[in-house]
């Protein structure tokens, strides 16, 4: 396979280890409302847009909040947490540096809101990305292909020439539905459905441009 014409990175759980912070925040906020959110709910909210996650959490807990009210509480708490700083996941910085040096266009594609993306981008390194796509920038977020199709359009490339790097089932589904090759780095215990365009690795440590070019 040829060198990718662009690489499109998910953010939460792929570049930064923020997924546990999201879930811990949700657990704490629901506990304040008198509901104990157990670990069995982790996969139901993993990587989901806020609207989907919040509607699910309200449905299982019965707390007296609308989804926008819960979403606002979660986002305010997350921005405060993210302000303390985050480290990139193993291999992420090296891959970003290599892609940038090779002149491969890079975009960030997240289901998180623009507020959350902007709170994280400085930690990750804004200069790596020619464009960022947040959940606020699309009508139909992951697992629909629209976020990755928009990123490819912004970069001026065809999606089938792109490599998507993701961690969640909905994210890998979005990348594959967009026609991209997908490299999945799933969270521990998360099961990803089989797909001919999806390749799994345990981490980004050791993943380089040559590896991405060889993806089927």
N, C-alpha and C. Protein backbone atom coordinates (compact mmCIF):
# COMPACT_ATOMS: atom_id res chain seq x y z
N UNK A 1 0.85 -1.20 0.00
CA UNK A 1 0.00 0.00 0.00
C UNK A 1 0.88 1.25 0.00
N UNK A 2 0.39 2.36 -0.60
CA UNK A 2 1.19 3.58 -0.64
C UNK A 2 1.19 4.29 0.71
N UNK A 3 2.12 5.21 0.84
CA UNK A 3 2.17 6.07 2.03
C UNK A 3 0.84 6.81 2.16
N UNK A 4 0.29 6.92 3.39
CA UNK A 4 -1.00 7.61 3.53
C UNK A 4 -0.93 9.06 3.08
N UNK A 5 -1.99 9.53 2.43
CA UNK A 5 -2.04 10.92 2.01
C UNK A 5 -2.32 11.85 3.19
N UNK A 6 -2.84 11.29 4.28
CA UNK A 6 -3.07 12.04 5.51
C UNK A 6 -3.31 11.04 6.63
N UNK A 7 -3.07 11.48 7.87
CA UNK A 7 -3.36 10.66 9.04
C UNK A 7 -4.31 11.44 9.94
N UNK A 8 -5.40 10.78 10.31
CA UNK A 8 -6.48 11.42 11.07
C UNK A 8 -6.55 10.77 12.45
N UNK A 9 -6.23 11.53 13.47
CA UNK A 9 -6.14 11.00 14.83
C UNK A 9 -7.40 11.31 15.63
N UNK A 10 -7.94 10.30 16.28
CA UNK A 10 -8.86 10.53 17.40
C UNK A 10 -8.05 11.14 18.55
N UNK A 11 -8.74 11.69 19.54
CA UNK A 11 -8.04 12.35 20.65
C UNK A 11 -8.12 11.54 21.94
N UNK A 12 -9.32 11.48 22.54
CA UNK A 12 -9.48 10.84 23.85
C UNK A 12 -9.22 9.35 23.77
N UNK A 13 -8.24 8.88 24.54
CA UNK A 13 -7.93 7.46 24.56
C UNK A 13 -6.99 7.02 23.47
N UNK A 14 -6.71 7.89 22.50
CA UNK A 14 -5.79 7.56 21.41
C UNK A 14 -4.49 8.33 21.54
N UNK A 15 -4.60 9.64 21.71
CA UNK A 15 -3.42 10.48 21.92
C UNK A 15 -3.18 10.77 23.39
N UNK A 16 -4.26 10.96 24.14
CA UNK A 16 -4.14 11.26 25.57
C UNK A 16 -5.00 10.29 26.37
N UNK A 17 -4.55 9.99 27.57
CA UNK A 17 -5.25 9.00 28.40
C UNK A 17 -6.35 9.69 29.20
N UNK A 18 -7.34 10.22 28.48
CA UNK A 18 -8.40 10.99 29.13
C UNK A 18 -9.68 10.19 29.35
N UNK A 19 -9.82 9.03 28.70
CA UNK A 19 -11.06 8.26 28.84
C UNK A 19 -11.36 7.91 30.31
N UNK A 20 -10.37 7.47 31.10
CA UNK A 20 -10.69 7.20 32.51
C UNK A 20 -11.12 8.46 33.27
N UNK A 21 -10.59 9.62 32.87
CA UNK A 21 -10.98 10.87 33.54
C UNK A 21 -12.43 11.19 33.23
N UNK A 22 -12.84 10.97 31.97
CA UNK A 22 -14.24 11.16 31.60
C UNK A 22 -15.14 10.29 32.48
N UNK A 23 -14.80 9.00 32.56
CA UNK A 23 -15.67 8.08 33.29
C UNK A 23 -15.67 8.40 34.79
N UNK A 24 -14.50 8.69 35.35
CA UNK A 24 -14.43 9.05 36.77
C UNK A 24 -15.26 10.29 37.07
N UNK A 25 -15.24 11.25 36.14
CA UNK A 25 -16.04 12.46 36.30
C UNK A 25 -17.52 12.14 36.28
N UNK A 26 -17.91 11.28 35.35
CA UNK A 26 -19.33 10.87 35.28
C UNK A 26 -19.75 10.11 36.53
N UNK A 27 -18.89 9.23 37.02
CA UNK A 27 -19.18 8.49 38.25
C UNK A 27 -19.39 9.46 39.41
N UNK A 28 -18.50 10.44 39.54
CA UNK A 28 -18.58 11.40 40.65
C UNK A 28 -19.84 12.26 40.57
N UNK A 29 -20.15 12.74 39.38
CA UNK A 29 -21.31 13.62 39.23
C UNK A 29 -22.61 12.86 39.46
N UNK A 30 -22.68 11.62 39.00
CA UNK A 30 -23.90 10.84 39.25
C UNK A 30 -24.01 10.45 40.72
N UNK A 31 -22.87 10.24 41.37
CA UNK A 31 -22.90 9.94 42.81
C UNK A 31 -23.48 11.12 43.59
N UNK A 32 -23.18 12.33 43.13
CA UNK A 32 -23.74 13.52 43.77
C UNK A 32 -25.25 13.56 43.64
N UNK A 33 -25.76 12.87 42.60
CA UNK A 33 -27.21 12.80 42.38
C UNK A 33 -27.82 11.54 43.00
N UNK A 34 -26.99 10.77 43.71
CA UNK A 34 -27.49 9.60 44.41
C UNK A 34 -27.49 8.31 43.63
N UNK A 35 -26.74 8.27 42.50
CA UNK A 35 -26.70 7.05 41.69
C UNK A 35 -25.27 6.54 41.60
N UNK A 36 -25.08 5.24 41.82
CA UNK A 36 -23.76 4.63 41.72
C UNK A 36 -23.58 4.04 40.33
N UNK A 37 -22.69 4.64 39.55
CA UNK A 37 -22.42 4.20 38.18
C UNK A 37 -21.32 3.15 38.21
N UNK A 38 -21.64 1.92 37.86
CA UNK A 38 -20.68 0.83 37.93
C UNK A 38 -19.85 0.69 36.67
N UNK A 39 -18.77 -0.08 36.75
CA UNK A 39 -17.86 -0.25 35.61
C UNK A 39 -18.51 -0.92 34.40
N UNK A 40 -19.64 -1.58 34.62
CA UNK A 40 -20.32 -2.24 33.49
C UNK A 40 -20.86 -1.23 32.47
N UNK A 41 -20.91 0.04 32.86
CA UNK A 41 -21.41 1.08 31.95
C UNK A 41 -20.30 1.72 31.12
N UNK A 42 -19.05 1.35 31.41
CA UNK A 42 -17.88 1.98 30.75
C UNK A 42 -17.99 1.92 29.22
N UNK A 43 -18.22 0.73 28.68
CA UNK A 43 -18.22 0.59 27.22
C UNK A 43 -19.40 1.30 26.57
N UNK A 44 -20.48 1.55 27.32
CA UNK A 44 -21.65 2.22 26.76
C UNK A 44 -21.41 3.71 26.52
N UNK A 45 -20.44 4.29 27.21
CA UNK A 45 -20.16 5.72 27.06
C UNK A 45 -18.80 5.97 26.43
N UNK A 46 -17.98 4.92 26.27
CA UNK A 46 -16.64 5.08 25.75
C UNK A 46 -16.65 5.67 24.34
N UNK A 47 -16.02 6.83 24.20
CA UNK A 47 -15.88 7.46 22.89
C UNK A 47 -17.13 8.09 22.33
N UNK A 48 -18.23 8.05 23.09
CA UNK A 48 -19.49 8.56 22.57
C UNK A 48 -19.53 10.10 22.62
N UNK A 49 -20.24 10.72 21.67
CA UNK A 49 -20.51 12.15 21.78
C UNK A 49 -21.26 12.45 23.08
N UNK A 50 -21.10 13.65 23.62
CA UNK A 50 -21.71 13.99 24.91
C UNK A 50 -23.21 13.75 24.93
N UNK A 51 -23.90 14.10 23.85
CA UNK A 51 -25.35 13.94 23.84
C UNK A 51 -25.73 12.47 24.03
N UNK A 52 -25.05 11.58 23.31
CA UNK A 52 -25.35 10.16 23.41
C UNK A 52 -25.02 9.64 24.80
N UNK A 53 -23.83 10.00 25.30
CA UNK A 53 -23.41 9.51 26.62
C UNK A 53 -24.33 10.03 27.71
N UNK A 54 -24.68 11.30 27.64
CA UNK A 54 -25.52 11.88 28.69
C UNK A 54 -26.93 11.30 28.67
N UNK A 55 -27.48 11.10 27.49
CA UNK A 55 -28.82 10.49 27.41
C UNK A 55 -28.79 9.07 27.97
N UNK A 56 -27.71 8.35 27.71
CA UNK A 56 -27.58 7.01 28.27
C UNK A 56 -27.50 7.08 29.79
N UNK A 57 -26.66 7.96 30.31
CA UNK A 57 -26.47 8.06 31.76
C UNK A 57 -27.77 8.45 32.47
N UNK A 58 -28.51 9.36 31.87
CA UNK A 58 -29.80 9.77 32.46
C UNK A 58 -30.79 8.60 32.41
N UNK A 59 -30.74 7.85 31.31
CA UNK A 59 -31.65 6.72 31.17
C UNK A 59 -31.43 5.63 32.21
N UNK A 60 -30.16 5.33 32.48
CA UNK A 60 -29.89 4.25 33.44
C UNK A 60 -29.99 4.71 34.89
N UNK A 61 -29.80 6.01 35.11
CA UNK A 61 -29.78 6.51 36.50
C UNK A 61 -31.10 7.13 36.95
N UNK A 62 -31.85 7.69 35.98
CA UNK A 62 -33.09 8.38 36.34
C UNK A 62 -32.88 9.69 37.07
N UNK A 63 -31.68 10.28 36.98
CA UNK A 63 -31.43 11.54 37.68
C UNK A 63 -32.25 12.66 37.07
N UNK A 64 -32.66 13.66 37.87
CA UNK A 64 -33.56 14.71 37.38
C UNK A 64 -32.83 15.84 36.65
N UNK A 65 -32.11 15.49 35.59
CA UNK A 65 -31.40 16.48 34.79
C UNK A 65 -31.71 16.22 33.32
N UNK A 66 -31.70 17.27 32.51
CA UNK A 66 -31.76 17.10 31.07
C UNK A 66 -30.36 16.76 30.58
N UNK A 67 -30.27 16.22 29.36
CA UNK A 67 -28.94 15.88 28.88
C UNK A 67 -28.05 17.12 28.70
N UNK A 68 -28.58 18.28 28.25
CA UNK A 68 -27.69 19.45 28.19
C UNK A 68 -27.19 19.88 29.57
N UNK A 69 -28.02 19.75 30.60
CA UNK A 69 -27.60 20.12 31.95
C UNK A 69 -26.49 19.20 32.44
N UNK A 70 -26.65 17.90 32.22
CA UNK A 70 -25.61 16.96 32.63
C UNK A 70 -24.34 17.17 31.81
N UNK A 71 -24.50 17.40 30.51
CA UNK A 71 -23.35 17.63 29.65
C UNK A 71 -22.54 18.84 30.11
N UNK A 72 -23.24 19.91 30.48
CA UNK A 72 -22.55 21.11 30.94
C UNK A 72 -21.77 20.83 32.23
N UNK A 73 -22.37 20.10 33.15
CA UNK A 73 -21.68 19.76 34.40
C UNK A 73 -20.43 18.94 34.12
N UNK A 74 -20.56 17.96 33.22
CA UNK A 74 -19.42 17.11 32.89
C UNK A 74 -18.31 17.92 32.23
N UNK A 75 -18.68 18.78 31.28
CA UNK A 75 -17.66 19.54 30.56
C UNK A 75 -16.94 20.53 31.45
N UNK A 76 -17.67 21.21 32.33
CA UNK A 76 -17.03 22.14 33.26
C UNK A 76 -16.02 21.40 34.13
N UNK A 77 -16.43 20.24 34.64
CA UNK A 77 -15.54 19.45 35.48
C UNK A 77 -14.34 18.94 34.69
N UNK A 78 -14.56 18.55 33.44
CA UNK A 78 -13.47 18.03 32.61
C UNK A 78 -12.46 19.12 32.26
N UNK A 79 -12.93 20.30 31.92
CA UNK A 79 -12.00 21.39 31.60
C UNK A 79 -11.12 21.70 32.80
N UNK A 80 -11.71 21.67 33.99
CA UNK A 80 -10.92 21.90 35.20
C UNK A 80 -9.87 20.80 35.38
N UNK A 81 -10.28 19.55 35.16
CA UNK A 81 -9.34 18.43 35.29
C UNK A 81 -8.23 18.51 34.24
N UNK A 82 -8.62 18.82 33.00
CA UNK A 82 -7.65 18.87 31.91
C UNK A 82 -6.65 20.00 32.10
N UNK A 83 -7.06 21.03 32.84
CA UNK A 83 -6.17 22.15 33.13
C UNK A 83 -4.96 21.76 33.94
N UNK A 84 -5.04 20.61 34.61
CA UNK A 84 -3.90 20.13 35.40
C UNK A 84 -2.86 19.44 34.53
N UNK A 85 -3.18 19.26 33.26
CA UNK A 85 -2.22 18.68 32.32
C UNK A 85 -2.45 17.20 32.09
N UNK A 86 -2.04 16.74 30.92
CA UNK A 86 -2.14 15.34 30.52
C UNK A 86 -0.88 14.94 29.79
N UNK A 87 -0.53 13.67 29.87
CA UNK A 87 0.60 13.17 29.11
C UNK A 87 0.09 12.42 27.89
N UNK A 88 0.86 12.49 26.81
CA UNK A 88 0.50 11.72 25.63
C UNK A 88 0.74 10.24 25.90
N UNK A 89 -0.06 9.41 25.26
CA UNK A 89 0.08 7.97 25.40
C UNK A 89 1.36 7.49 24.70
N UNK A 90 1.90 6.33 25.12
CA UNK A 90 3.16 5.84 24.55
C UNK A 90 3.14 5.78 23.03
N UNK A 91 4.18 6.32 22.43
CA UNK A 91 4.35 6.29 20.98
C UNK A 91 3.67 7.41 20.23
N UNK A 92 2.74 8.12 20.89
CA UNK A 92 1.96 9.14 20.17
C UNK A 92 2.83 10.31 19.72
N UNK A 93 3.65 10.84 20.61
CA UNK A 93 4.48 12.00 20.26
C UNK A 93 5.48 11.65 19.17
N UNK A 94 6.11 10.48 19.27
CA UNK A 94 7.09 10.09 18.26
C UNK A 94 6.44 9.97 16.88
N UNK A 95 5.24 9.42 16.83
CA UNK A 95 4.55 9.26 15.55
C UNK A 95 4.17 10.62 14.98
N UNK A 96 3.65 11.51 15.82
CA UNK A 96 3.30 12.85 15.35
C UNK A 96 4.52 13.58 14.79
N UNK A 97 5.64 13.48 15.50
CA UNK A 97 6.87 14.15 15.05
C UNK A 97 7.32 13.60 13.71
N UNK A 98 7.29 12.27 13.57
CA UNK A 98 7.73 11.66 12.31
C UNK A 98 6.83 12.06 11.15
N UNK A 99 5.52 12.03 11.37
CA UNK A 99 4.60 12.39 10.29
C UNK A 99 4.78 13.84 9.87
N UNK A 100 4.94 14.71 10.84
CA UNK A 100 5.14 16.13 10.53
C UNK A 100 6.44 16.33 9.74
N UNK A 101 7.50 15.66 10.17
CA UNK A 101 8.79 15.79 9.48
C UNK A 101 8.72 15.27 8.06
N UNK A 102 7.89 14.25 7.84
CA UNK A 102 7.75 13.66 6.50
C UNK A 102 6.78 14.44 5.62
N UNK A 103 6.15 15.46 6.18
CA UNK A 103 5.22 16.27 5.40
C UNK A 103 3.86 15.63 5.19
N UNK A 104 3.52 14.63 6.02
CA UNK A 104 2.20 13.99 5.91
C UNK A 104 1.18 14.85 6.65
N UNK A 105 0.11 15.30 5.99
CA UNK A 105 -0.89 16.14 6.66
C UNK A 105 -1.57 15.37 7.81
N UNK A 106 -1.81 16.07 8.91
CA UNK A 106 -2.41 15.45 10.09
C UNK A 106 -3.61 16.28 10.52
N UNK A 107 -4.69 15.59 10.88
CA UNK A 107 -5.87 16.26 11.45
C UNK A 107 -6.27 15.54 12.73
N UNK A 108 -6.88 16.28 13.63
CA UNK A 108 -7.43 15.73 14.86
C UNK A 108 -8.94 15.65 14.70
N UNK A 109 -9.51 14.48 14.99
CA UNK A 109 -10.95 14.26 14.77
C UNK A 109 -11.54 13.68 16.05
N UNK A 110 -12.28 14.49 16.79
CA UNK A 110 -12.78 14.07 18.09
C UNK A 110 -14.30 14.20 18.16
N UNK A 111 -14.92 13.31 18.94
CA UNK A 111 -16.35 13.44 19.22
C UNK A 111 -16.60 14.42 20.35
N UNK A 112 -15.53 14.85 21.02
CA UNK A 112 -15.67 15.82 22.11
C UNK A 112 -16.03 17.19 21.56
N UNK A 113 -16.53 18.05 22.43
CA UNK A 113 -16.93 19.39 22.02
C UNK A 113 -15.70 20.24 21.68
N UNK A 114 -15.95 21.35 21.01
CA UNK A 114 -14.87 22.27 20.68
C UNK A 114 -14.18 22.77 21.96
N UNK A 115 -14.94 22.98 23.01
CA UNK A 115 -14.38 23.45 24.28
C UNK A 115 -13.37 22.45 24.83
N UNK A 116 -13.70 21.15 24.75
CA UNK A 116 -12.80 20.12 25.26
C UNK A 116 -11.57 19.98 24.35
N UNK A 117 -11.79 19.99 23.04
CA UNK A 117 -10.66 19.91 22.10
C UNK A 117 -9.69 21.05 22.34
N UNK A 118 -10.20 22.26 22.49
CA UNK A 118 -9.34 23.41 22.70
C UNK A 118 -8.61 23.34 24.03
N UNK A 119 -9.22 22.69 25.03
CA UNK A 119 -8.56 22.54 26.33
C UNK A 119 -7.41 21.55 26.26
N UNK A 120 -7.46 20.62 25.31
CA UNK A 120 -6.45 19.56 25.21
C UNK A 120 -5.36 19.84 24.18
N UNK A 121 -5.67 20.63 23.16
CA UNK A 121 -4.80 20.72 22.00
C UNK A 121 -3.43 21.29 22.34
N UNK A 122 -3.37 22.17 23.35
CA UNK A 122 -2.08 22.72 23.75
C UNK A 122 -1.17 21.68 24.36
N UNK A 123 -1.76 20.73 25.09
CA UNK A 123 -0.99 19.64 25.68
C UNK A 123 -0.45 18.72 24.60
N UNK A 124 -1.29 18.42 23.62
CA UNK A 124 -0.90 17.50 22.55
C UNK A 124 0.11 18.15 21.62
N UNK A 125 -0.12 19.43 21.28
CA UNK A 125 0.74 20.15 20.35
C UNK A 125 -0.04 20.62 19.14
N UNK A 126 -0.57 21.83 19.24
CA UNK A 126 -1.44 22.35 18.18
C UNK A 126 -0.74 22.42 16.83
N UNK A 127 0.57 22.62 16.83
CA UNK A 127 1.31 22.79 15.58
C UNK A 127 1.35 21.53 14.73
N UNK A 128 1.03 20.38 15.32
CA UNK A 128 1.05 19.14 14.53
C UNK A 128 -0.12 19.08 13.55
N UNK A 129 -1.21 19.76 13.84
CA UNK A 129 -2.47 19.54 13.13
C UNK A 129 -2.81 20.69 12.19
N UNK A 130 -3.08 20.35 10.94
CA UNK A 130 -3.52 21.36 9.98
C UNK A 130 -4.97 21.73 10.23
N UNK A 131 -5.76 20.77 10.73
CA UNK A 131 -7.17 21.02 11.04
C UNK A 131 -7.58 20.18 12.24
N UNK A 132 -8.58 20.67 12.96
CA UNK A 132 -9.20 19.88 14.02
C UNK A 132 -10.71 19.86 13.77
N UNK A 133 -11.30 18.69 14.00
CA UNK A 133 -12.76 18.52 13.87
C UNK A 133 -13.28 18.07 15.23
N UNK A 134 -14.23 18.83 15.77
CA UNK A 134 -14.84 18.48 17.05
C UNK A 134 -16.26 17.97 16.81
N UNK A 135 -16.87 17.48 17.88
CA UNK A 135 -18.25 17.03 17.78
C UNK A 135 -19.21 18.16 17.43
N UNK A 136 -18.80 19.40 17.72
CA UNK A 136 -19.65 20.55 17.41
C UNK A 136 -19.62 20.92 15.92
N UNK A 137 -18.67 20.36 15.19
CA UNK A 137 -18.48 20.75 13.79
C UNK A 137 -19.24 19.88 12.80
N UNK A 138 -19.93 18.87 13.31
CA UNK A 138 -20.64 17.95 12.42
C UNK A 138 -22.09 17.79 12.87
N UNK A 139 -22.91 17.35 11.95
CA UNK A 139 -24.32 17.08 12.26
C UNK A 139 -24.48 15.68 12.84
N UNK A 140 -23.73 14.73 12.30
CA UNK A 140 -23.82 13.34 12.74
C UNK A 140 -22.43 12.87 13.13
N UNK A 141 -22.21 12.74 14.43
CA UNK A 141 -20.89 12.39 14.94
C UNK A 141 -20.63 10.89 14.85
N UNK A 142 -19.47 10.46 15.31
CA UNK A 142 -19.13 9.04 15.34
C UNK A 142 -20.25 8.27 16.04
N UNK A 143 -20.65 7.10 15.55
CA UNK A 143 -19.98 6.22 14.58
C UNK A 143 -20.27 6.52 13.11
N UNK A 144 -20.98 7.62 12.84
CA UNK A 144 -21.19 8.00 11.44
C UNK A 144 -19.87 8.46 10.82
N UNK A 145 -19.70 8.36 9.53
CA UNK A 145 -18.42 8.72 8.90
C UNK A 145 -18.19 10.22 8.74
N UNK A 146 -19.22 11.04 8.99
CA UNK A 146 -19.12 12.47 8.69
C UNK A 146 -17.86 13.14 9.26
N UNK A 147 -17.47 12.90 10.53
CA UNK A 147 -16.28 13.60 11.04
C UNK A 147 -15.02 13.31 10.23
N UNK A 148 -14.83 12.06 9.83
CA UNK A 148 -13.63 11.73 9.06
C UNK A 148 -13.73 12.18 7.61
N UNK A 149 -14.92 12.16 7.06
CA UNK A 149 -15.09 12.71 5.71
C UNK A 149 -14.83 14.20 5.69
N UNK A 150 -15.27 14.91 6.74
CA UNK A 150 -15.01 16.35 6.83
C UNK A 150 -13.52 16.62 6.96
N UNK A 151 -12.82 15.84 7.79
CA UNK A 151 -11.39 16.05 7.96
C UNK A 151 -10.65 15.86 6.64
N UNK A 152 -11.00 14.81 5.89
CA UNK A 152 -10.37 14.58 4.59
C UNK A 152 -10.65 15.74 3.64
N UNK A 153 -11.89 16.22 3.67
CA UNK A 153 -12.25 17.35 2.80
C UNK A 153 -11.44 18.60 3.16
N UNK A 154 -11.30 18.87 4.45
CA UNK A 154 -10.54 20.04 4.89
C UNK A 154 -9.07 19.94 4.48
N UNK A 155 -8.54 18.72 4.48
CA UNK A 155 -7.15 18.51 4.08
C UNK A 155 -6.98 18.43 2.57
N UNK A 156 -8.09 18.32 1.84
CA UNK A 156 -8.02 18.24 0.39
C UNK A 156 -7.54 16.90 -0.12
N UNK A 157 -7.88 15.82 0.61
CA UNK A 157 -7.46 14.47 0.21
C UNK A 157 -8.68 13.56 0.15
N UNK A 158 -8.52 12.41 -0.53
CA UNK A 158 -9.58 11.44 -0.60
C UNK A 158 -9.52 10.54 0.65
N UNK A 159 -10.66 10.22 1.25
CA UNK A 159 -10.64 9.44 2.50
C UNK A 159 -9.97 8.08 2.37
N UNK A 160 -10.09 7.43 1.19
CA UNK A 160 -9.50 6.11 1.05
C UNK A 160 -7.98 6.13 1.09
N UNK A 161 -7.39 7.31 0.92
CA UNK A 161 -5.94 7.43 1.05
C UNK A 161 -5.46 7.73 2.46
N UNK A 162 -6.43 7.94 3.37
CA UNK A 162 -6.10 8.32 4.74
C UNK A 162 -5.99 7.11 5.66
N UNK A 163 -5.22 7.28 6.71
CA UNK A 163 -5.21 6.32 7.82
C UNK A 163 -5.83 7.00 9.03
N UNK A 164 -6.81 6.35 9.63
CA UNK A 164 -7.45 6.81 10.86
C UNK A 164 -6.84 6.04 12.03
N UNK A 165 -6.54 6.73 13.11
CA UNK A 165 -6.03 6.08 14.31
C UNK A 165 -7.03 6.31 15.43
N UNK A 166 -7.56 5.23 15.98
CA UNK A 166 -8.69 5.27 16.91
C UNK A 166 -8.49 4.29 18.06
N UNK A 167 -9.36 4.41 19.08
CA UNK A 167 -9.31 3.46 20.19
C UNK A 167 -10.65 2.81 20.49
N UNK A 168 -11.76 3.42 20.09
CA UNK A 168 -13.08 2.94 20.53
C UNK A 168 -13.83 2.23 19.40
N UNK A 169 -14.83 1.42 19.75
CA UNK A 169 -15.63 0.78 18.71
C UNK A 169 -16.33 1.77 17.79
N UNK A 170 -16.89 2.85 18.36
CA UNK A 170 -17.61 3.80 17.50
C UNK A 170 -16.65 4.58 16.61
N UNK A 171 -15.44 4.83 17.12
CA UNK A 171 -14.46 5.56 16.32
C UNK A 171 -13.93 4.73 15.17
N UNK A 172 -13.62 3.46 15.44
CA UNK A 172 -13.15 2.60 14.35
C UNK A 172 -14.25 2.39 13.32
N UNK A 173 -15.50 2.31 13.78
CA UNK A 173 -16.62 2.17 12.85
C UNK A 173 -16.74 3.40 11.96
N UNK A 174 -16.54 4.58 12.55
CA UNK A 174 -16.61 5.83 11.77
C UNK A 174 -15.53 5.89 10.71
N UNK A 175 -14.30 5.54 11.10
CA UNK A 175 -13.19 5.57 10.15
C UNK A 175 -13.38 4.59 9.02
N UNK A 176 -13.82 3.37 9.35
CA UNK A 176 -14.04 2.36 8.32
C UNK A 176 -15.18 2.75 7.40
N UNK A 177 -16.25 3.33 7.97
CA UNK A 177 -17.39 3.75 7.15
C UNK A 177 -17.02 4.88 6.20
N UNK A 178 -16.01 5.67 6.58
CA UNK A 178 -15.55 6.75 5.71
C UNK A 178 -14.68 6.23 4.58
N UNK A 179 -14.33 4.95 4.63
CA UNK A 179 -13.50 4.36 3.58
C UNK A 179 -12.02 4.43 3.86
N UNK A 180 -11.64 4.81 5.07
CA UNK A 180 -10.23 4.93 5.43
C UNK A 180 -9.67 3.60 5.92
N UNK A 181 -8.36 3.45 5.85
CA UNK A 181 -7.69 2.39 6.58
C UNK A 181 -7.66 2.82 8.06
N UNK A 182 -7.85 1.88 8.96
CA UNK A 182 -7.97 2.21 10.38
C UNK A 182 -6.96 1.41 11.19
N UNK A 183 -6.22 2.12 12.04
CA UNK A 183 -5.36 1.47 13.03
C UNK A 183 -6.01 1.68 14.38
N UNK A 184 -6.38 0.58 15.04
CA UNK A 184 -7.09 0.64 16.31
C UNK A 184 -6.17 0.28 17.46
N UNK A 185 -6.22 1.12 18.50
CA UNK A 185 -5.46 0.88 19.73
C UNK A 185 -6.48 0.80 20.86
N UNK A 186 -7.17 -0.34 20.99
CA UNK A 186 -8.31 -0.40 21.91
C UNK A 186 -7.91 -0.33 23.37
N UNK A 187 -8.80 0.27 24.18
CA UNK A 187 -8.62 0.28 25.63
C UNK A 187 -8.68 -1.16 26.16
N UNK A 188 -8.06 -1.37 27.30
CA UNK A 188 -8.05 -2.71 27.91
C UNK A 188 -9.48 -3.20 28.15
N UNK A 189 -9.74 -4.40 27.71
CA UNK A 189 -11.05 -5.00 27.91
C UNK A 189 -12.10 -4.64 26.90
N UNK A 190 -11.78 -3.73 25.97
CA UNK A 190 -12.74 -3.30 24.96
C UNK A 190 -12.63 -4.21 23.74
N UNK A 191 -13.75 -4.74 23.30
CA UNK A 191 -13.78 -5.64 22.15
C UNK A 191 -14.20 -4.85 20.91
N UNK A 192 -13.39 -4.92 19.87
CA UNK A 192 -13.72 -4.25 18.61
C UNK A 192 -14.23 -5.26 17.60
N UNK A 193 -15.32 -4.96 16.90
CA UNK A 193 -15.81 -5.88 15.86
C UNK A 193 -14.77 -6.04 14.75
N UNK A 194 -14.74 -7.21 14.16
CA UNK A 194 -13.82 -7.46 13.04
C UNK A 194 -14.24 -6.63 11.83
N UNK A 195 -13.24 -6.09 11.13
CA UNK A 195 -13.51 -5.35 9.90
C UNK A 195 -12.27 -5.43 9.02
N UNK A 196 -12.43 -5.64 7.72
CA UNK A 196 -11.25 -5.82 6.85
C UNK A 196 -10.34 -4.60 6.77
N UNK A 197 -10.86 -3.42 7.08
CA UNK A 197 -10.01 -2.22 7.01
C UNK A 197 -9.42 -1.84 8.36
N UNK A 198 -9.67 -2.64 9.41
CA UNK A 198 -9.22 -2.30 10.75
C UNK A 198 -8.10 -3.24 11.19
N UNK A 199 -6.97 -2.66 11.59
CA UNK A 199 -5.83 -3.40 12.14
C UNK A 199 -5.66 -3.00 13.60
N UNK A 200 -5.44 -3.96 14.47
CA UNK A 200 -5.31 -3.69 15.89
C UNK A 200 -3.85 -3.76 16.34
N UNK A 201 -3.47 -2.85 17.22
CA UNK A 201 -2.16 -2.89 17.87
C UNK A 201 -2.36 -2.59 19.35
N UNK A 202 -1.48 -3.08 20.24
CA UNK A 202 -1.65 -2.83 21.66
C UNK A 202 -1.34 -1.40 22.08
N UNK A 203 -0.48 -0.72 21.33
CA UNK A 203 -0.17 0.69 21.62
C UNK A 203 0.47 1.30 20.37
N UNK A 204 0.67 2.60 20.41
CA UNK A 204 1.33 3.29 19.30
C UNK A 204 2.85 3.22 19.42
N UNK A 205 3.34 2.66 20.49
CA UNK A 205 4.78 2.54 20.69
C UNK A 205 5.36 1.65 19.59
N UNK A 206 6.24 2.18 18.78
CA UNK A 206 6.83 1.44 17.68
C UNK A 206 6.11 1.59 16.35
N UNK A 207 4.92 2.21 16.36
CA UNK A 207 4.20 2.46 15.10
C UNK A 207 4.85 3.66 14.41
N UNK A 208 5.21 3.49 13.15
CA UNK A 208 5.83 4.58 12.40
C UNK A 208 5.17 4.70 11.03
N UNK A 209 5.70 5.61 10.21
CA UNK A 209 5.12 5.85 8.89
C UNK A 209 5.20 4.61 8.02
N UNK A 210 6.28 3.87 8.11
CA UNK A 210 6.42 2.63 7.32
C UNK A 210 5.32 1.65 7.70
N UNK A 211 5.02 1.54 8.99
CA UNK A 211 3.96 0.63 9.44
C UNK A 211 2.60 1.08 8.90
N UNK A 212 2.32 2.39 8.97
CA UNK A 212 1.05 2.89 8.48
C UNK A 212 0.90 2.67 6.98
N UNK A 213 2.02 2.79 6.26
CA UNK A 213 1.98 2.61 4.80
C UNK A 213 1.67 1.17 4.42
N UNK A 214 1.98 0.23 5.32
CA UNK A 214 1.79 -1.19 5.02
C UNK A 214 0.39 -1.69 5.39
N UNK A 215 -0.43 -0.83 6.01
CA UNK A 215 -1.76 -1.27 6.42
C UNK A 215 -2.61 -1.62 5.21
N UNK A 216 -3.36 -2.71 5.34
CA UNK A 216 -4.23 -3.13 4.23
C UNK A 216 -5.55 -2.41 4.24
